[in-house]
Amino acid sequence: MSSFAIPITALYSGFIGIYAILLQFQVSTHRRLMAVSLGDGTREILIEAIQSLHANNFANVDSKEITTPFGSKYWELTRAVRAHGNFIEAAPMILLFAAIAELNSASPILVYVALATFCIARLLHAAALRTTRAVGLLRAFGVLGSTLPIVALAIFNTYSGIRAVFGL
């Protein structure tokens, strides 16, 4: 038997940590290529739009000239930022809930399935964000597969906590 108190969570925290670094590297690479020091390029889009309007003496201002990151040269950066951000928003929660469940004698199968499902779902989600419009079944499976394991572990932890607190 392992000397780790939470070996399953320890294993998956390594996978999740490595994947977070890979996503962070993508963001850094896109920022460097686009000469954006902070954010997703929205600031740069606005600066470019204002410079263009100023160059034309603000004549014939067409709101279509001011674009959003979607469809702009910064779109790849925006997608990388969101893939990383969405991952970072959920990863600590799943790891915390898995560690609590594992410490409270949850079935190892529950913890393995929850963490494996989460990892696969985050890969699907990031792949979906690389598609043209970043919508569709791949992203839906990514979101659902990320959310359901967190919900399952939250329910287990709540149930275990109630039993422990009230001696049930």
C-alpha atoms as a PDB file:
ATOM      1  CA  MET A   1       0.000   0.000   0.000  1.00  0.00           C
ATOM      2  CA  SER A   2       1.152   3.515  -0.751  1.00  0.00           C
ATOM      3  CA  SER A   3       2.420   5.846   1.952  1.00  0.00           C
ATOM      4  CA  PHE A   4       0.459   8.679   0.339  1.00  0.00           C
ATOM      5  CA  ALA A   5      -2.699   9.713   2.142  1.00  0.00           C
ATOM      6  CA  ILE A   6      -4.350  10.628  -1.162  1.00  0.00           C
ATOM      7  CA  PRO A   7      -2.501   8.750  -3.931  1.00  0.00           C
ATOM      8  CA  ILE A   8      -5.182   9.092  -6.634  1.00  0.00           C
ATOM      9  CA  THR A   9      -5.475  12.845  -6.182  1.00  0.00           C
ATOM     10  CA  ALA A  10      -1.668  13.080  -6.060  1.00  0.00           C
ATOM     11  CA  LEU A  11      -1.398  11.265  -9.393  1.00  0.00           C
ATOM     12  CA  TYR A  12      -4.010  13.393 -11.140  1.00  0.00           C
ATOM     13  CA  SER A  13      -2.719  16.626  -9.611  1.00  0.00           C
ATOM     14  CA  GLY A  14       0.480  15.937 -11.531  1.00  0.00           C
ATOM     15  CA  PHE A  15      -1.418  15.489 -14.812  1.00  0.00           C
ATOM     16  CA  ILE A  16      -3.506  18.580 -14.152  1.00  0.00           C
ATOM     17  CA  GLY A  17      -0.455  20.636 -13.211  1.00  0.00           C
ATOM     18  CA  ILE A  18       1.432  19.654 -16.357  1.00  0.00           C
ATOM     19  CA  TYR A  19      -1.594  20.436 -18.526  1.00  0.00           C
ATOM     20  CA  ALA A  20      -1.991  23.834 -16.840  1.00  0.00           C
ATOM     21  CA  ILE A  21       1.628  24.646 -17.679  1.00  0.00           C
ATOM     22  CA  LEU A  22       1.082  23.593 -21.315  1.00  0.00           C
ATOM     23  CA  LEU A  23      -1.963  25.854 -21.577  1.00  0.00           C
ATOM     24  CA  GLN A  24      -0.022  28.691 -19.947  1.00  0.00           C
ATOM     25  CA  PHE A  25       2.793  28.158 -22.452  1.00  0.00           C
ATOM     26  CA  GLN A  26       0.292  28.497 -25.324  1.00  0.00           C
ATOM     27  CA  VAL A  27      -0.901  31.816 -23.926  1.00  0.00           C
ATOM     28  CA  SER A  28       2.665  33.073 -23.510  1.00  0.00           C
ATOM     29  CA  THR A  29       3.588  32.004 -27.032  1.00  0.00           C
ATOM     30  CA  HIS A  30       0.579  33.761 -28.595  1.00  0.00           C
ATOM     31  CA  ARG A  31       1.189  36.893 -26.528  1.00  0.00           C
ATOM     32  CA  ARG A  32       4.816  37.000 -27.624  1.00  0.00           C
ATOM     33  CA  LEU A  33       3.912  36.466 -31.300  1.00  0.00           C
ATOM     34  CA  MET A  34       1.227  39.179 -31.188  1.00  0.00           C
ATOM     35  CA  ALA A  35       3.279  41.581 -29.017  1.00  0.00           C
ATOM     36  CA  VAL A  36       0.571  41.630 -26.346  1.00  0.00           C
ATOM     37  CA  SER A  37       1.916  41.889 -22.810  1.00  0.00           C
ATOM     38  CA  LEU A  38      -1.382  41.483 -20.960  1.00  0.00           C
ATOM     39  CA  GLY A  39      -4.847  40.218 -21.823  1.00  0.00           C
ATOM     40  CA  ASP A  40      -6.222  38.796 -25.048  1.00  0.00           C
ATOM     41  CA  GLY A  41      -5.624  41.556 -27.589  1.00  0.00           C
ATOM     42  CA  THR A  42      -8.817  43.516 -26.959  1.00  0.00           C
ATOM     43  CA  ARG A  43      -6.840  46.586 -25.919  1.00  0.00           C
ATOM     44  CA  GLU A  44      -4.740  46.359 -29.065  1.00  0.00           C
ATOM     45  CA  ILE A  45      -7.887  46.056 -31.230  1.00  0.00           C
ATOM     46  CA  LEU A  46      -9.261  49.257 -29.724  1.00  0.00           C
ATOM     47  CA  ILE A  47      -5.959  51.096 -30.175  1.00  0.00           C
ATOM     48  CA  GLU A  48      -5.784  49.994 -33.818  1.00  0.00           C
ATOM     49  CA  ALA A  49      -9.399  51.068 -34.400  1.00  0.00           C
ATOM     50  CA  ILE A  50      -8.807  54.492 -32.838  1.00  0.00           C
ATOM     51  CA  GLN A  51      -5.620  54.980 -34.836  1.00  0.00           C
ATOM     52  CA  SER A  52      -7.476  54.065 -38.025  1.00  0.00           C
ATOM     53  CA  LEU A  53     -10.321  56.451 -37.236  1.00  0.00           C
ATOM     54  CA  HIS A  54      -7.874  59.202 -36.352  1.00  0.00           C
ATOM     55  CA  ALA A  55      -5.979  58.659 -39.611  1.00  0.00           C
ATOM     56  CA  ASN A  56      -9.274  59.205 -41.453  1.00  0.00           C
ATOM     57  CA  ASN A  57     -10.083  62.314 -39.368  1.00  0.00           C
ATOM     58  CA  PHE A  58     -12.971  60.382 -37.839  1.00  0.00           C
ATOM     59  CA  ALA A  59     -14.820  60.700 -41.134  1.00  0.00           C
ATOM     60  CA  ASN A  60     -17.309  58.049 -42.158  1.00  0.00           C
ATOM     61  CA  VAL A  61     -17.069  56.165 -38.876  1.00  0.00           C
ATOM     62  CA  ASP A  62     -18.403  52.677 -39.438  1.00  0.00           C
ATOM     63  CA  SER A  63     -18.944  50.586 -36.314  1.00  0.00           C
ATOM     64  CA  LYS A  64     -17.995  47.495 -38.343  1.00  0.00           C
ATOM     65  CA  GLU A  65     -14.422  48.775 -38.419  1.00  0.00           C
ATOM     66  CA  ILE A  66     -14.210  48.203 -34.669  1.00  0.00           C
ATOM     67  CA  THR A  67     -14.059  44.459 -34.335  1.00  0.00           C
ATOM     68  CA  THR A  68     -14.002  42.030 -31.435  1.00  0.00           C
ATOM     69  CA  PRO A  69     -11.283  39.456 -30.831  1.00  0.00           C
ATOM     70  CA  PHE A  70     -13.421  36.953 -32.789  1.00  0.00           C
ATOM     71  CA  GLY A  71     -12.270  37.095 -36.350  1.00  0.00           C
ATOM     72  CA  SER A  72      -9.382  39.424 -35.569  1.00  0.00           C
ATOM     73  CA  LYS A  73      -5.703  38.627 -35.761  1.00  0.00           C
ATOM     74  CA  TYR A  74      -5.875  38.188 -31.962  1.00  0.00           C
ATOM     75  CA  TRP A  75      -8.445  35.366 -32.067  1.00  0.00           C
ATOM     76  CA  GLU A  76      -5.873  32.614 -31.479  1.00  0.00           C
ATOM     77  CA  LEU A  77      -4.628  34.476 -28.414  1.00  0.00           C
ATOM     78  CA  THR A  78      -8.176  34.953 -27.120  1.00  0.00           C
ATOM     79  CA  ARG A  79      -8.869  31.236 -27.478  1.00  0.00           C
ATOM     80  CA  ALA A  80      -5.625  30.314 -25.706  1.00  0.00           C
ATOM     81  CA  VAL A  81      -6.411  32.730 -22.860  1.00  0.00           C
ATOM     82  CA  ARG A  82      -9.914  31.295 -22.443  1.00  0.00           C
ATOM     83  CA  ALA A  83      -8.761  27.652 -22.619  1.00  0.00           C
ATOM     84  CA  HIS A  84      -6.234  28.385 -19.865  1.00  0.00           C
ATOM     85  CA  GLY A  85      -8.657  30.514 -17.849  1.00  0.00           C
ATOM     86  CA  ASN A  86     -11.503  27.992 -18.019  1.00  0.00           C
ATOM     87  CA  PHE A  87      -9.130  25.236 -16.948  1.00  0.00           C
ATOM     88  CA  ILE A  88      -7.724  27.230 -14.038  1.00  0.00           C
ATOM     89  CA  GLU A  89     -11.244  28.105 -12.864  1.00  0.00           C
ATOM     90  CA  ALA A  90     -12.197  24.430 -12.439  1.00  0.00           C
ATOM     91  CA  ALA A  91      -8.956  22.529 -11.727  1.00  0.00           C
ATOM     92  CA  PRO A  92      -8.439  23.646  -8.098  1.00  0.00           C
ATOM     93  CA  MET A  93     -12.038  22.778  -7.239  1.00  0.00           C
ATOM     94  CA  ILE A  94     -11.881  19.228  -8.617  1.00  0.00           C
ATOM     95  CA  LEU A  95      -8.554  18.599  -6.891  1.00  0.00           C
ATOM     96  CA  LEU A  96      -9.810  19.924  -3.565  1.00  0.00           C
ATOM     97  CA  PHE A  97     -13.044  17.929  -3.750  1.00  0.00           C
ATOM     98  CA  ALA A  98     -11.182  14.770  -4.815  1.00  0.00           C
ATOM     99  CA  ALA A  99      -8.689  15.128  -1.959  1.00  0.00           C
ATOM    100  CA  ILE A 100     -11.494  15.611   0.576  1.00  0.00           C
ATOM    101  CA  ALA A 101     -13.389  12.613  -0.817  1.00  0.00           C
ATOM    102  CA  GLU A 102     -10.285  10.443  -0.845  1.00  0.00           C
ATOM    103  CA  LEU A 103      -9.403  11.433   2.728  1.00  0.00           C
ATOM    104  CA  ASN A 104     -12.927  10.522   3.780  1.00  0.00           C
ATOM    105  CA  SER A 105     -12.762   7.000   2.353  1.00  0.00           C
ATOM    106  CA  ALA A 106     -14.575   7.536  -0.911  1.00  0.00           C
ATOM    107  CA  SER A 107     -14.485   4.616  -3.273  1.00  0.00           C
ATOM    108  CA  PRO A 108     -11.251   4.788  -5.247  1.00  0.00           C
ATOM    109  CA  ILE A 109     -13.341   4.138  -8.356  1.00  0.00           C
ATOM    110  CA  LEU A 110     -15.364   7.324  -7.709  1.00  0.00           C
ATOM    111  CA  VAL A 111     -12.192   9.387  -7.360  1.00  0.00           C
ATOM    112  CA  TYR A 112     -10.483   7.792 -10.388  1.00  0.00           C
ATOM    113  CA  VAL A 113     -13.553   8.185 -12.612  1.00  0.00           C
ATOM    114  CA  ALA A 114     -14.174  11.773 -11.507  1.00  0.00           C
ATOM    115  CA  LEU A 115     -10.584  12.869 -12.111  1.00  0.00           C
ATOM    116  CA  ALA A 116     -10.141  10.925 -15.359  1.00  0.00           C
ATOM    117  CA  THR A 117     -13.433  12.286 -16.706  1.00  0.00           C
ATOM    118  CA  PHE A 118     -12.399  15.807 -15.764  1.00  0.00           C
ATOM    119  CA  CYS A 119      -9.004  15.472 -17.486  1.00  0.00           C
ATOM    120  CA  ILE A 120     -10.498  14.047 -20.687  1.00  0.00           C
ATOM    121  CA  ALA A 121     -13.235  16.700 -20.681  1.00  0.00           C
ATOM    122  CA  ARG A 122     -10.716  19.518 -20.337  1.00  0.00           C
ATOM    123  CA  LEU A 123      -8.793  18.147 -23.328  1.00  0.00           C
ATOM    124  CA  LEU A 124     -12.055  18.087 -25.323  1.00  0.00           C
ATOM    125  CA  HIS A 125     -12.884  21.621 -24.215  1.00  0.00           C
ATOM    126  CA  ALA A 126      -9.490  22.978 -25.245  1.00  0.00           C
ATOM    127  CA  ALA A 127      -9.756  21.174 -28.599  1.00  0.00           C
ATOM    128  CA  ALA A 128     -13.201  22.715 -29.130  1.00  0.00           C
ATOM    129  CA  LEU A 129     -11.820  26.182 -28.507  1.00  0.00           C
ATOM    130  CA  ARG A 130      -9.381  25.608 -31.357  1.00  0.00           C
ATOM    131  CA  THR A 131     -12.222  25.090 -33.850  1.00  0.00           C
ATOM    132  CA  THR A 132     -13.456  27.898 -36.063  1.00  0.00           C
ATOM    133  CA  ARG A 133     -16.265  29.201 -33.856  1.00  0.00           C
ATOM    134  CA  ALA A 134     -15.476  27.354 -30.623  1.00  0.00           C
ATOM    135  CA  VAL A 135     -18.988  25.975 -30.268  1.00  0.00           C
ATOM    136  CA  GLY A 136     -20.549  22.562 -30.775  1.00  0.00           C
ATOM    137  CA  LEU A 137     -20.702  19.093 -29.328  1.00  0.00           C
ATOM    138  CA  LEU A 138     -17.019  18.874 -28.500  1.00  0.00           C
ATOM    139  CA  ARG A 139     -17.232  21.938 -26.284  1.00  0.00           C
ATOM    140  CA  ALA A 140     -20.548  20.792 -24.766  1.00  0.00           C
ATOM    141  CA  PHE A 141     -18.982  17.448 -23.828  1.00  0.00           C
ATOM    142  CA  GLY A 142     -16.001  19.318 -22.437  1.00  0.00           C
ATOM    143  CA  VAL A 143     -18.163  21.520 -20.242  1.00  0.00           C
ATOM    144  CA  LEU A 144     -20.456  18.702 -19.128  1.00  0.00           C
ATOM    145  CA  GLY A 145     -17.557  16.340 -18.476  1.00  0.00           C
ATOM    146  CA  SER A 146     -15.865  18.999 -16.387  1.00  0.00           C
ATOM    147  CA  THR A 147     -18.941  19.904 -14.382  1.00  0.00           C
ATOM    148  CA  LEU A 148     -20.421  16.480 -13.578  1.00  0.00           C
ATOM    149  CA  PRO A 149     -17.357  15.120 -11.727  1.00  0.00           C
ATOM    150  CA  ILE A 150     -17.258  18.255  -9.570  1.00  0.00           C
ATOM    151  CA  VAL A 151     -20.969  17.855  -8.812  1.00  0.00           C
ATOM    152  CA  ALA A 152     -20.537  14.138  -8.020  1.00  0.00           C
ATOM    153  CA  LEU A 153     -17.671  14.801  -5.615  1.00  0.00           C
ATOM    154  CA  ALA A 154     -19.528  17.738  -4.039  1.00  0.00           C
ATOM    155  CA  ILE A 155     -22.545  15.494  -3.392  1.00  0.00           C
ATOM    156  CA  PHE A 156     -20.339  12.761  -1.927  1.00  0.00           C
ATOM    157  CA  ASN A 157     -18.511  15.254   0.305  1.00  0.00           C
ATOM    158  CA  THR A 158     -21.748  16.888   1.462  1.00  0.00           C
ATOM    159  CA  TYR A 159     -23.284  13.504   2.258  1.00  0.00           C
ATOM    160  CA  SER A 160     -20.116  12.365   4.085  1.00  0.00           C
ATOM    161  CA  GLY A 161     -19.946  15.647   5.993  1.00  0.00           C
ATOM    162  CA  ILE A 162     -23.583  15.423   7.115  1.00  0.00           C
ATOM    163  CA  ARG A 163     -23.051  11.837   8.277  1.00  0.00           C
ATOM    164  CA  ALA A 164     -19.922  12.788  10.207  1.00  0.00           C
ATOM    165  CA  VAL A 165     -21.316  15.966  11.779  1.00  0.00           C
ATOM    166  CA  PHE A 166     -24.635  14.440  12.834  1.00  0.00           C
ATOM    167  CA  GLY A 167     -23.293  10.962  13.601  1.00  0.00           C
ATOM    168  CA  LEU A 168     -25.534   9.253  11.089  1.00  0.00           C
END
